[in-house]
Amino acid sequence: MFHQVEVIGWLGKDPEIKYFDNGQSMVIMNVVADKYKSGQKQPVWFTAVAYDRAAKIALEMCRKGTLVWISGELMPDENGSPKVFIKGDGTPAADYEILVKRILVLTPKSKEENREDEFEEIF
């Protein structure tokens, strides 16, 4: 089976990088996309995980507030569901984790100009 998800959202904080003993690197990005229900804006958070080259490029080009398009696949728990946890205030929440295959940085390099040729694509 094959599935793909696409999310357009803003980075909620700077990407975090982790290195493994085997030399592989991983970048974790928190991405928020808004949905609207009954006229109210509700944020939906995703954890985007990128490896190796994509991880290094994402680390260089993405910062808190960067608008990105992410394409990849969901990484569910062992039951095929989003990862469920209890927040610090005691309320339940779910973590939608995405294994990043492609990233398109939608925030222009120069915020004064909004030119298509200034967008960067990360593989």
Protein backbone atom coordinates (compact mmCIF):
# COMPACT_ATOMS: atom_id res chain seq x y z
CA MET A 1 0.00 0.00 0.00
CA PHE A 2 1.04 3.56 -0.59
CA HIS A 3 -0.09 6.77 1.02
CA GLN A 4 1.07 10.35 0.84
CA VAL A 5 0.21 13.43 2.85
CA GLU A 6 0.83 17.06 2.00
CA VAL A 7 0.82 19.88 4.54
CA ILE A 8 1.27 23.61 4.08
CA GLY A 9 2.08 25.26 7.36
CA TRP A 10 4.38 27.40 9.46
CA LEU A 11 7.30 26.16 11.55
CA GLY A 12 6.43 26.69 15.20
CA LYS A 13 10.08 26.73 16.29
CA ASP A 14 13.55 26.30 14.83
CA PRO A 15 14.27 22.79 13.52
CA GLU A 16 16.12 20.46 15.88
CA ILE A 17 18.88 18.17 14.63
CA LYS A 18 19.93 14.82 16.07
CA TYR A 19 22.97 12.80 15.09
CA PHE A 20 23.27 9.03 15.35
CA ASP A 21 26.37 6.94 16.02
CA ASN A 22 26.29 5.61 12.45
CA GLY A 23 26.71 9.16 11.06
CA GLN A 24 23.08 9.56 10.02
CA SER A 25 21.32 12.80 10.93
CA MET A 26 17.66 13.59 11.56
CA VAL A 27 15.86 16.93 11.74
CA ILE A 28 12.58 17.36 13.61
CA MET A 29 10.30 20.23 12.64
CA ASN A 30 7.02 21.26 14.29
CA VAL A 31 4.60 22.49 11.63
CA VAL A 32 1.23 24.10 12.31
CA ALA A 33 -1.60 24.26 9.76
CA ASP A 34 -4.90 25.89 10.58
CA LYS A 35 -8.32 24.38 10.01
CA TYR A 36 -11.63 26.12 10.49
CA LYS A 37 -14.61 24.65 12.29
CA SER A 38 -17.80 26.68 12.79
CA GLY A 39 -15.89 29.81 11.82
CA GLN A 40 -13.23 29.24 14.49
CA LYS A 41 -9.57 28.77 13.62
CA GLN A 42 -8.11 25.61 15.12
CA PRO A 43 -4.40 24.84 14.83
CA VAL A 44 -3.34 21.32 13.83
CA TRP A 45 0.25 20.42 14.70
CA PHE A 46 2.43 17.98 12.79
CA THR A 47 5.86 16.63 13.63
CA ALA A 48 7.89 16.45 10.41
CA VAL A 49 10.98 14.23 10.42
CA ALA A 50 13.65 14.50 7.72
CA TYR A 51 16.84 12.45 7.34
CA ASP A 52 20.30 12.89 5.86
CA ARG A 53 20.59 15.44 3.03
CA ALA A 54 17.03 16.75 3.40
CA ALA A 55 17.68 17.11 7.13
CA LYS A 56 20.82 19.18 6.60
CA ILE A 57 19.20 21.43 4.01
CA ALA A 58 16.07 21.90 6.14
CA LEU A 59 18.28 22.87 9.05
CA GLU A 60 20.05 25.50 6.93
CA MET A 61 16.96 26.99 5.25
CA CYS A 62 14.12 26.70 7.77
CA ARG A 63 13.57 28.76 10.91
CA LYS A 64 10.66 29.47 13.21
CA GLY A 65 7.97 31.17 11.12
CA THR A 66 9.08 29.69 7.77
CA LEU A 67 6.13 28.73 5.56
CA VAL A 68 6.70 25.25 4.07
CA TRP A 69 4.96 22.67 1.92
CA ILE A 70 5.81 19.18 3.14
CA SER A 71 5.12 15.97 1.27
CA GLY A 72 5.68 12.59 2.85
CA GLU A 73 4.02 9.70 4.61
CA LEU A 74 2.39 9.39 8.01
CA MET A 75 4.32 7.46 10.65
CA PRO A 76 1.58 5.90 12.79
CA ASP A 77 1.94 4.01 16.06
CA GLU A 78 2.02 0.20 16.11
CA ASN A 79 -1.80 0.10 15.69
CA GLY A 80 -1.82 2.36 12.63
CA SER A 81 -3.18 5.37 14.54
CA PRO A 82 -1.72 8.78 15.38
CA LYS A 83 0.50 8.70 18.45
CA VAL A 84 -1.73 9.62 21.41
CA PHE A 85 -0.36 11.20 24.59
CA ILE A 86 -1.47 13.21 27.61
CA LYS A 87 -0.44 16.87 27.67
CA GLY A 88 0.96 18.56 30.77
CA ASP A 89 -2.49 19.93 31.64
CA GLY A 90 -3.96 16.41 31.63
CA THR A 91 -5.84 16.65 28.32
CA PRO A 92 -5.36 14.01 25.63
CA ALA A 93 -3.68 14.92 22.34
CA ALA A 94 -2.44 13.18 19.19
CA ASP A 95 0.83 13.57 17.33
CA TYR A 96 0.66 13.36 13.55
CA GLU A 97 4.18 12.42 12.54
CA ILE A 98 5.27 12.78 8.90
CA LEU A 99 8.33 11.20 7.30
CA VAL A 100 9.42 13.97 4.94
CA LYS A 101 10.11 13.07 1.32
CA ARG A 102 10.04 16.62 -0.12
CA ILE A 103 9.95 20.15 1.25
CA LEU A 104 9.21 23.35 -0.61
CA VAL A 105 10.13 26.51 1.27
CA LEU A 106 7.34 29.00 0.52
CA THR A 107 8.72 31.96 2.46
CA PRO A 108 10.64 34.16 -0.02
CA LYS A 109 14.32 34.76 0.71
CA SER A 110 13.59 38.47 0.64
CA LYS A 111 10.36 39.26 2.46
CA GLU A 112 10.03 42.52 0.51
CA GLU A 113 9.63 40.62 -2.75
CA ASN A 114 7.30 37.75 -3.45
CA ARG A 115 8.84 36.26 -6.56
CA GLU A 116 8.35 32.64 -7.54
CA ASP A 117 12.02 32.20 -8.48
CA GLU A 118 13.01 32.88 -4.88
CA PHE A 119 11.31 29.78 -3.54
CA GLU A 120 13.61 26.92 -2.64
CA GLU A 121 12.90 23.23 -3.01
CA ILE A 122 14.49 20.64 -0.76
CA PHE A 123 14.59 16.98 -1.69
